[in-house]
Protein backbone atom coordinates (compact mmCIF):
# COMPACT_ATOMS: atom_id res chain seq x y z
CA UNK A 1 -22.29 -22.20 11.06
CA UNK A 2 -18.62 -23.00 10.33
CA UNK A 3 -15.77 -21.84 12.55
CA UNK A 4 -14.72 -19.28 9.95
CA UNK A 5 -18.18 -17.83 9.54
CA UNK A 6 -18.68 -17.65 13.30
CA UNK A 7 -15.43 -15.70 13.62
CA UNK A 8 -16.48 -13.30 10.87
CA UNK A 9 -19.71 -12.33 12.60
CA UNK A 10 -18.86 -9.62 15.08
CA UNK A 11 -20.99 -8.34 17.95
CA UNK A 12 -23.58 -5.80 16.95
CA UNK A 13 -23.88 -2.38 18.52
CA UNK A 14 -26.83 0.00 18.37
CA UNK A 15 -27.23 1.49 14.93
CA UNK A 16 -24.71 -0.81 13.21
CA UNK A 17 -25.23 -3.88 11.02
CA UNK A 18 -25.41 -7.15 12.93
CA UNK A 19 -22.33 -8.47 11.17
CA UNK A 20 -19.31 -7.30 9.20
CA UNK A 21 -17.35 -9.48 6.81
CA UNK A 22 -13.61 -9.83 6.88
CA UNK A 23 -12.60 -7.72 3.87
CA UNK A 24 -9.58 -9.20 2.07
CA UNK A 25 -10.01 -6.91 -0.95
CA UNK A 26 -6.81 -5.58 -2.54
CA UNK A 27 -8.25 -2.07 -2.46
CA UNK A 28 -10.10 -0.20 -1.30
CA UNK A 29 -9.10 -2.24 1.71
CA UNK A 30 -10.51 -2.48 5.18
CA UNK A 31 -10.34 0.42 7.64
CA UNK A 32 -9.86 0.20 11.42
CA UNK A 33 -13.25 -0.21 13.10
CA UNK A 34 -12.63 2.63 15.55
CA UNK A 35 -11.89 4.90 12.59
CA UNK A 36 -15.17 3.91 10.96
CA UNK A 37 -17.03 4.68 14.18
CA UNK A 38 -15.43 8.14 14.35
CA UNK A 39 -16.34 8.81 10.73
CA UNK A 40 -19.99 8.05 11.55
CA UNK A 41 -19.96 10.84 14.11
CA UNK A 42 -17.96 13.36 12.13
CA UNK A 43 -20.04 13.07 8.98
CA UNK A 44 -22.88 14.47 11.08
CA UNK A 45 -20.98 16.94 13.27
CA UNK A 46 -17.19 17.16 13.45
CA UNK A 47 -15.56 18.54 16.57
CA UNK A 48 -18.72 20.16 17.87
CA UNK A 49 -18.76 22.52 14.88
CA UNK A 50 -22.38 21.76 14.04
CA UNK A 51 -21.37 20.82 10.50
CA UNK A 52 -20.20 17.50 9.08
CA UNK A 53 -16.77 17.01 7.55
CA UNK A 54 -18.30 16.58 4.08
CA UNK A 55 -19.70 20.12 4.27
CA UNK A 56 -16.78 22.10 5.70
CA UNK A 57 -14.88 24.62 3.59
CA UNK A 58 -11.40 23.53 2.58
CA UNK A 59 -10.27 27.03 3.63
CA UNK A 60 -12.04 27.04 7.01
CA UNK A 61 -10.49 26.62 10.44
CA UNK A 62 -11.94 23.12 10.94
CA UNK A 63 -10.21 21.76 7.86
CA UNK A 64 -7.08 23.78 8.65
CA UNK A 65 -6.86 21.69 11.80
CA UNK A 66 -7.63 18.41 10.03
CA UNK A 67 -4.98 19.00 7.37
CA UNK A 68 -2.36 20.34 9.76
CA UNK A 69 -2.71 17.39 12.12
CA UNK A 70 -2.65 14.89 9.24
CA UNK A 71 0.66 16.26 7.98
CA UNK A 72 2.16 16.45 11.48
CA UNK A 73 1.02 12.93 12.41
CA UNK A 74 2.46 11.52 9.17
CA UNK A 75 5.77 13.11 10.10
CA UNK A 76 5.59 11.74 13.65
CA UNK A 77 4.97 8.18 12.50
CA UNK A 78 8.05 8.11 10.29
CA UNK A 79 10.35 10.70 11.81
CA UNK A 80 10.27 12.35 8.40
CA UNK A 81 13.31 14.55 7.68
CA UNK A 82 12.59 18.28 7.57
CA UNK A 83 13.53 18.67 3.91
CA UNK A 84 10.49 16.62 2.79
CA UNK A 85 7.03 17.86 1.88
CA UNK A 86 3.91 15.79 2.62
CA UNK A 87 1.40 16.39 -0.16
CA UNK A 88 -2.14 15.10 -0.69
CA UNK A 89 -2.92 14.84 -4.40
CA UNK A 90 -5.69 13.39 -6.54
CA UNK A 91 -5.72 11.07 -9.55
CA UNK A 92 -4.50 7.98 -7.72
CA UNK A 93 -1.01 6.53 -7.82
CA UNK A 94 -1.44 6.15 -11.59
CA UNK A 95 -1.30 9.92 -12.01
CA UNK A 96 2.10 9.86 -10.32
CA UNK A 97 3.28 7.57 -13.11
CA UNK A 98 3.27 10.57 -15.46
CA UNK A 99 3.72 13.42 -12.96
CA UNK A 100 7.07 12.00 -11.85
CA UNK A 101 8.77 11.97 -15.27
CA UNK A 102 7.03 15.19 -16.27
CA UNK A 103 8.52 17.00 -13.27
CA UNK A 104 11.83 15.20 -12.84
CA UNK A 105 13.13 13.99 -16.23
CA UNK A 106 14.16 16.18 -19.14
CA UNK A 107 13.19 14.90 -22.59
CA UNK A 108 16.77 13.86 -23.38
CA UNK A 109 17.42 12.23 -20.01
CA UNK A 110 16.99 8.54 -19.24
CA UNK A 111 15.04 7.26 -16.21
CA UNK A 112 15.62 3.77 -14.85
CA UNK A 113 12.76 1.45 -13.88
CA UNK A 114 12.80 -1.89 -12.07
CA UNK A 115 9.66 -3.73 -13.14
CA UNK A 116 8.45 -6.34 -10.68
CA UNK A 117 4.74 -6.29 -11.38
CA UNK A 118 1.80 -4.80 -13.26
CA UNK A 119 1.92 -1.32 -11.74
CA UNK A 120 5.70 -1.03 -12.11
CA UNK A 121 5.27 -1.86 -15.80
CA UNK A 122 2.55 0.79 -16.16
CA UNK A 123 4.83 3.38 -14.55
CA UNK A 124 7.51 2.62 -17.14
CA UNK A 125 4.99 2.92 -19.98
CA UNK A 126 3.87 6.35 -18.80
CA UNK A 127 7.46 7.56 -18.51
CA UNK A 128 8.15 6.80 -22.18
CA UNK A 129 5.98 9.80 -23.08
CA UNK A 130 8.76 12.00 -21.70
CA UNK A 131 11.73 10.48 -23.50
CA UNK A 132 14.12 7.56 -22.98
CA UNK A 133 13.60 4.99 -20.24
CA UNK A 134 15.73 2.03 -19.27
CA UNK A 135 14.47 -1.19 -17.69
CA UNK A 136 17.27 -1.81 -15.20
CA UNK A 137 15.85 -5.16 -14.06
CA UNK A 138 12.63 -7.14 -14.40
CA UNK A 139 10.97 -10.29 -13.10
CA UNK A 140 8.76 -10.77 -16.16
CA UNK A 141 10.62 -13.95 -17.15
CA UNK A 142 8.88 -15.84 -14.31
CA UNK A 143 5.59 -13.94 -14.23
CA UNK A 144 6.80 -11.65 -11.47
CA UNK A 145 7.18 -14.27 -8.75
CA UNK A 146 10.48 -12.89 -7.44
CA UNK A 147 12.44 -9.68 -6.81
CA UNK A 148 15.60 -9.26 -8.93
CA UNK A 149 18.92 -9.29 -7.11
CA UNK A 150 21.10 -6.19 -7.09
CA UNK A 151 23.71 -8.22 -8.98
CA UNK A 152 21.21 -8.67 -11.83
CA UNK A 153 20.36 -4.96 -12.05
CA UNK A 154 22.00 -2.77 -14.69
CA UNK A 155 21.60 0.98 -14.28
CA UNK A 156 22.06 3.45 -17.10
CA UNK A 157 24.76 6.15 -16.81
CA UNK A 158 23.52 9.47 -15.38
CA UNK A 159 19.93 8.33 -14.80
CA UNK A 160 17.45 11.06 -13.87
CA UNK A 161 16.11 8.72 -11.16
CA UNK A 162 15.46 5.06 -10.34
CA UNK A 163 11.85 3.95 -9.83
CA UNK A 164 10.62 0.76 -8.18
CA UNK A 165 7.45 -0.57 -6.51
CA UNK A 166 8.06 -1.88 -2.99
CA UNK A 167 5.08 -4.25 -2.90
CA UNK A 168 3.39 -5.84 -5.88
CA UNK A 169 -0.30 -6.07 -5.12
CA UNK A 170 -1.28 -8.37 -7.96
CA UNK A 171 1.56 -10.88 -7.80
CA UNK A 172 2.13 -10.89 -4.03
CA UNK A 173 5.84 -10.03 -3.92
CA UNK A 174 7.60 -7.48 -1.74
CA UNK A 175 11.11 -6.06 -1.45
CA UNK A 176 12.72 -7.60 1.66
CA UNK A 177 16.21 -7.79 3.01
CA UNK A 178 17.43 -11.40 3.25
CA UNK A 179 19.81 -13.12 5.65
CA UNK A 180 22.87 -15.20 4.73
CA UNK A 181 20.72 -18.24 3.94
CA UNK A 182 18.54 -16.25 1.52
CA UNK A 183 15.52 -16.19 3.84
CA UNK A 184 13.56 -12.95 4.14
CA UNK A 185 14.01 -10.99 7.36
CA UNK A 186 11.19 -8.61 6.35
CA UNK A 187 13.16 -5.35 6.66
CA UNK A 188 12.56 -3.12 3.69
CA UNK A 189 15.09 -3.57 0.91
CA UNK A 190 15.97 -0.69 -1.40
CA UNK A 191 17.85 -1.19 -4.67
CA UNK A 192 21.51 -0.12 -4.53
CA UNK A 193 21.51 2.74 -7.00
CA UNK A 194 24.50 4.78 -8.22
CA UNK A 195 25.53 7.61 -5.89
CA UNK A 196 23.53 10.79 -6.31
CA UNK A 197 20.68 9.23 -8.30
CA UNK A 198 17.24 9.95 -6.74
CA UNK A 199 15.26 6.93 -5.56
CA UNK A 200 11.53 6.96 -6.34
CA UNK A 201 9.18 4.38 -4.80
CA UNK A 202 5.55 3.43 -5.32
CA UNK A 203 4.70 2.30 -1.79
CA UNK A 204 0.93 2.20 -2.28
CA UNK A 205 0.24 -1.21 -0.79
CA UNK A 206 2.80 -1.56 2.01
CA UNK A 207 3.46 1.94 3.32
CA UNK A 208 3.54 1.96 7.15
CA UNK A 209 3.19 -1.83 7.30
CA UNK A 210 6.72 -1.89 8.76
CA UNK A 211 9.34 0.73 9.71
CA UNK A 212 10.38 2.96 6.82
CA UNK A 213 13.43 5.23 6.57
CA UNK A 214 12.39 8.05 4.27
CA UNK A 215 15.90 9.50 4.31
CA UNK A 216 16.84 6.70 1.88
CA UNK A 217 14.28 7.90 -0.68
CA UNK A 218 13.75 11.11 -2.62
CA UNK A 219 10.08 10.69 -3.55
CA UNK A 220 7.55 8.16 -2.24
CA UNK A 221 3.93 7.97 -3.33
CA UNK A 222 1.04 5.86 -2.09
CA UNK A 223 -2.62 5.61 -2.98
CA UNK A 224 -4.44 5.97 0.32
CA UNK A 225 -7.01 3.21 -0.14
CA UNK A 226 -4.92 0.31 1.14
CA UNK A 227 -3.02 1.26 4.30
CA UNK A 228 -3.56 5.00 4.78
CA UNK A 229 -7.26 5.74 4.45
CA UNK A 230 -10.08 5.93 1.94
CA UNK A 231 -9.94 6.13 -1.83
CA UNK A 232 -9.66 9.65 -3.23
CA UNK A 233 -6.21 10.93 -2.37
CA UNK A 234 -2.60 9.95 -2.94
CA UNK A 235 0.09 10.84 -0.43
CA UNK A 236 3.31 12.11 -2.03
CA UNK A 237 6.41 12.57 0.13
CA UNK A 238 9.04 14.53 -1.80
CA UNK A 239 12.33 16.28 -1.09
CA UNK A 240 12.69 20.04 -1.52
CA UNK A 241 15.39 19.48 -4.14
CA UNK A 242 12.96 17.61 -6.39
CA UNK A 243 10.06 19.96 -5.77
CA UNK A 244 12.16 22.79 -7.15
CA UNK A 245 13.47 20.86 -10.16
CA UNK A 246 12.12 22.25 -13.44
CA UNK A 247 12.80 20.28 -16.60
CA UNK A 248 9.95 21.53 -18.85
CA UNK A 249 6.97 23.85 -18.92
CA UNK A 250 3.94 22.20 -17.31
CA UNK A 251 0.38 23.23 -16.48
CA UNK A 252 0.19 24.74 -13.03
CA UNK A 253 -1.77 21.82 -11.59
CA UNK A 254 0.78 19.23 -12.75
CA UNK A 255 3.68 20.79 -10.83
CA UNK A 256 4.76 19.49 -7.42
CA UNK A 257 5.88 23.04 -6.60
CA UNK A 258 2.27 24.24 -6.86
CA UNK A 259 1.04 21.79 -4.22
CA UNK A 260 4.04 22.34 -1.95
CA UNK A 261 3.57 26.11 -2.02
CA UNK A 262 -0.17 25.94 -1.36
CA UNK A 263 -0.09 23.11 1.21
CA UNK A 264 -1.95 20.61 -0.99
CA UNK A 265 -4.84 22.95 -1.74
CA UNK A 266 -4.26 25.22 -4.71
CA UNK A 267 -7.86 24.29 -5.49
CA UNK A 268 -10.44 22.28 -3.54
CA UNK A 269 -8.63 19.15 -2.32
CA UNK A 270 -10.24 15.77 -1.51
CA UNK A 271 -11.32 16.95 1.93
CA UNK A 272 -12.98 13.73 3.09
CA UNK A 273 -10.16 11.45 1.92
CA UNK A 274 -7.56 13.61 3.67
CA UNK A 275 -9.68 13.62 6.83
CA UNK A 276 -9.85 9.80 6.81
CA UNK A 277 -6.07 9.62 6.35
CA UNK A 278 -5.72 11.85 9.40
CA UNK A 279 -7.83 9.45 11.49
CA UNK A 280 -5.81 6.45 10.28
CA UNK A 281 -2.53 8.23 11.14
CA UNK A 282 -3.79 8.77 14.69
CA UNK A 283 -4.82 5.10 14.84
CA UNK A 284 -1.32 4.07 13.74
CA UNK A 285 0.25 6.25 16.43
CA UNK A 286 -1.99 4.64 19.07
CA UNK A 287 -0.52 1.23 18.25
CA UNK A 288 2.68 2.10 20.14
CA UNK A 289 3.01 -0.04 23.27
CA UNK A 290 5.26 0.27 26.31
CA UNK A 291 7.61 2.73 24.65
CA UNK A 292 7.86 0.67 21.46
CA UNK A 293 7.45 2.46 18.16
CA UNK A 294 4.06 2.09 16.49
CA UNK A 295 5.51 0.71 13.25
CA UNK A 296 7.50 -1.95 15.12
CA UNK A 297 4.28 -3.12 16.75
CA UNK A 298 2.40 -3.08 13.43
CA UNK A 299 5.20 -4.97 11.65
CA UNK A 300 5.16 -7.75 14.27
CA UNK A 301 1.39 -8.01 13.98
CA UNK A 302 1.59 -8.18 10.19
CA UNK A 303 4.19 -10.94 10.42
CA UNK A 304 1.86 -12.97 12.64
CA UNK A 305 -1.13 -12.34 10.37
CA UNK A 306 0.58 -13.28 7.12
CA UNK A 307 2.37 -16.16 8.87
CA UNK A 308 -0.91 -17.87 9.68
CA UNK A 309 -1.98 -17.85 6.03
CA UNK A 310 1.41 -18.87 4.65
CA UNK A 311 1.50 -21.68 7.20
CA UNK A 312 -1.77 -23.01 5.80
CA UNK A 313 -0.23 -22.95 2.32
CA UNK A 314 3.05 -24.57 3.34
CA UNK A 315 1.42 -27.31 5.43
CA UNK A 316 -1.20 -28.23 2.84
CA UNK A 317 0.89 -31.00 1.29
CA UNK A 318 0.90 -29.23 -2.05
CA UNK A 319 -2.86 -28.60 -2.18
CA UNK A 320 -2.18 -24.84 -2.16
CA UNK A 321 0.56 -23.38 -4.33
CA UNK A 322 1.81 -19.87 -3.61
CA UNK A 323 2.72 -17.63 -6.53
CA UNK A 324 5.64 -15.76 -4.91
CA UNK A 325 9.02 -17.28 -4.16
CA UNK A 326 9.48 -17.72 -0.40
CA UNK A 327 12.09 -14.94 -0.07
CA UNK A 328 9.84 -12.48 -1.92
CA UNK A 329 6.51 -13.18 -0.21
CA UNK A 330 4.43 -10.13 0.55
CA UNK A 331 3.04 -9.51 4.02
CA UNK A 332 0.22 -7.47 2.49
CA UNK A 333 -0.99 -9.50 -0.51
CA UNK A 334 -0.86 -13.30 -0.27
CA UNK A 335 -1.40 -15.08 -3.59
CA UNK A 336 -2.10 -18.81 -3.96
CA UNK A 337 -4.00 -21.42 -5.99
CA UNK A 338 -5.80 -24.71 -5.49
CA UNK A 339 -4.97 -27.69 -7.71
CA UNK A 340 -7.59 -26.72 -10.34
CA UNK A 341 -9.42 -23.57 -11.49
CA UNK A 342 -12.69 -25.27 -10.53
CA UNK A 343 -11.48 -25.63 -6.93
CA UNK A 344 -10.34 -21.98 -6.98
CA UNK A 345 -13.90 -20.93 -7.86
CA UNK A 346 -15.36 -23.20 -5.18
CA UNK A 347 -12.91 -21.84 -2.62
CA UNK A 348 -13.92 -18.23 -3.31
CA UNK A 349 -17.64 -18.99 -3.18
CA UNK A 350 -17.46 -20.99 0.03
CA UNK A 351 -15.13 -18.45 1.65
CA UNK A 352 -17.56 -15.64 0.83
CA UNK A 353 -20.40 -17.65 2.38
CA UNK A 354 -18.22 -18.03 5.47
CA UNK A 355 -17.76 -14.25 5.81
CA UNK A 356 -14.35 -14.03 4.08
CA UNK A 357 -14.77 -11.51 1.26
CA UNK A 358 -12.65 -10.25 -1.66
CA UNK A 359 -10.43 -13.31 -2.13
CA UNK A 360 -10.64 -13.81 -5.91
CA UNK A 361 -7.19 -13.37 -7.48
CA UNK A 362 -6.28 -11.03 -10.31
CA UNK A 363 -6.52 -12.44 -13.84
CA UNK A 364 -2.70 -12.19 -14.16
CA UNK A 365 -2.20 -14.83 -11.48
CA UNK A 366 -5.59 -16.52 -11.09
CA UNK A 367 -6.40 -18.35 -7.89
CA UNK A 368 -6.82 -16.34 -4.72
CA UNK A 369 -5.38 -13.19 -3.19
CA UNK A 370 -5.74 -12.35 0.50
CA UNK A 371 -4.88 -8.74 1.26
CA UNK A 372 -3.98 -8.43 4.94
CA UNK A 373 -3.43 -4.69 5.27
CA UNK A 374 -2.75 -3.01 8.61
CA UNK A 375 -6.41 -2.71 9.53
CA UNK A 376 -7.18 -6.40 8.93
CA UNK A 377 -7.52 -7.86 12.46
CA UNK A 378 -5.57 -10.94 13.41
CA UNK A 379 -8.89 -12.72 13.89
CA UNK A 380 -9.57 -12.32 10.17
CA UNK A 381 -6.32 -13.99 9.16
CA UNK A 382 -6.93 -16.78 11.66
CA UNK A 383 -10.42 -17.31 10.26
CA UNK A 384 -9.02 -17.54 6.74
CA UNK A 385 -6.22 -19.91 7.78
CA UNK A 386 -8.73 -22.15 9.55
CA UNK A 387 -11.00 -22.12 6.50
CA UNK A 388 -8.06 -23.00 4.22
CA UNK A 389 -7.13 -26.02 6.32
CA UNK A 390 -10.71 -27.26 6.41
CA UNK A 391 -11.21 -26.68 2.67
CA UNK A 392 -8.02 -28.61 1.87
CA UNK A 393 -9.13 -31.46 4.15
CA UNK A 394 -12.48 -31.72 2.39
CA UNK A 395 -11.15 -31.35 -1.17
CA UNK A 396 -7.55 -32.55 -1.10
């Protein structure tokens, strides 16, 4: 058994499989093991109620508690300002691509989009249904390997809002502040938009991977299946002012105001997915150490995790080539290639045999993609980095 495969095999406990793989999938991503253990219990009998979470009424007291604590814990993690709603919606982040312009942009208004990857481009395409859009900046010219500078961004006059995606899952780029030398310092960068223009962010794949100041945004949305929980719900954080904006007649269930008024359940919500989010929020809060904020601790851990993998790329003598420019490298999705497509295929097959799963890259970039979300343990990134060094030694 190789070092990597030995690391991937974890101790068995009664009633569990003898081994779990390290799951580097881009989504659904891995969940914290203690959360998975709690789910096992609560599917059978949650909180001593005698009924499992999958069976409880979305109007009953048990789910009242689950939902209330999930919203409160989300607020605690971020120090969310009071004028924001926390909503749990369905339809994935893709549904937000049309709900946002439908609710916030009149047909004769222009919305600005910064396109730095596949999902940012899809958001722009959906917005065109509701009238003019303006591409304020894009990284398409180099296959989305960088984040455009503010100096290269051109906003339209009187934009309804500016939309961007903070982390690009497919291409492995992320919006970071940079120091004087141009090196990333990993603090979250936000485009400098004209005064008074709402800032909208798709934060699906890096939300709560580092500290976030929601006061600098007006609407943030995130599919839960990467850093917040299980597939099935999308968290939308939106200011009161936008909730109450009405630019056209819409079906009741496409209005943010409907979900804000009815606390995310005008009809039956995704009960289980919200419940899992609630467990993950509590797990995030437990990461605080010695008075340090939980997101500071998580950010430092994510820097160490991604650093091990990037180090294996940078020290490979050119055997591995990263897709993203150094200043735009994502901490969540690490994209790279071997010298040939044949070696890429061999890498993925041998990695899977060694207990490192979900590493095949998207067709837009090829090669490999390692998604190191919050719940990925440091041991998983170390196992991958060790495997990469050994693979390069044998094939370089």
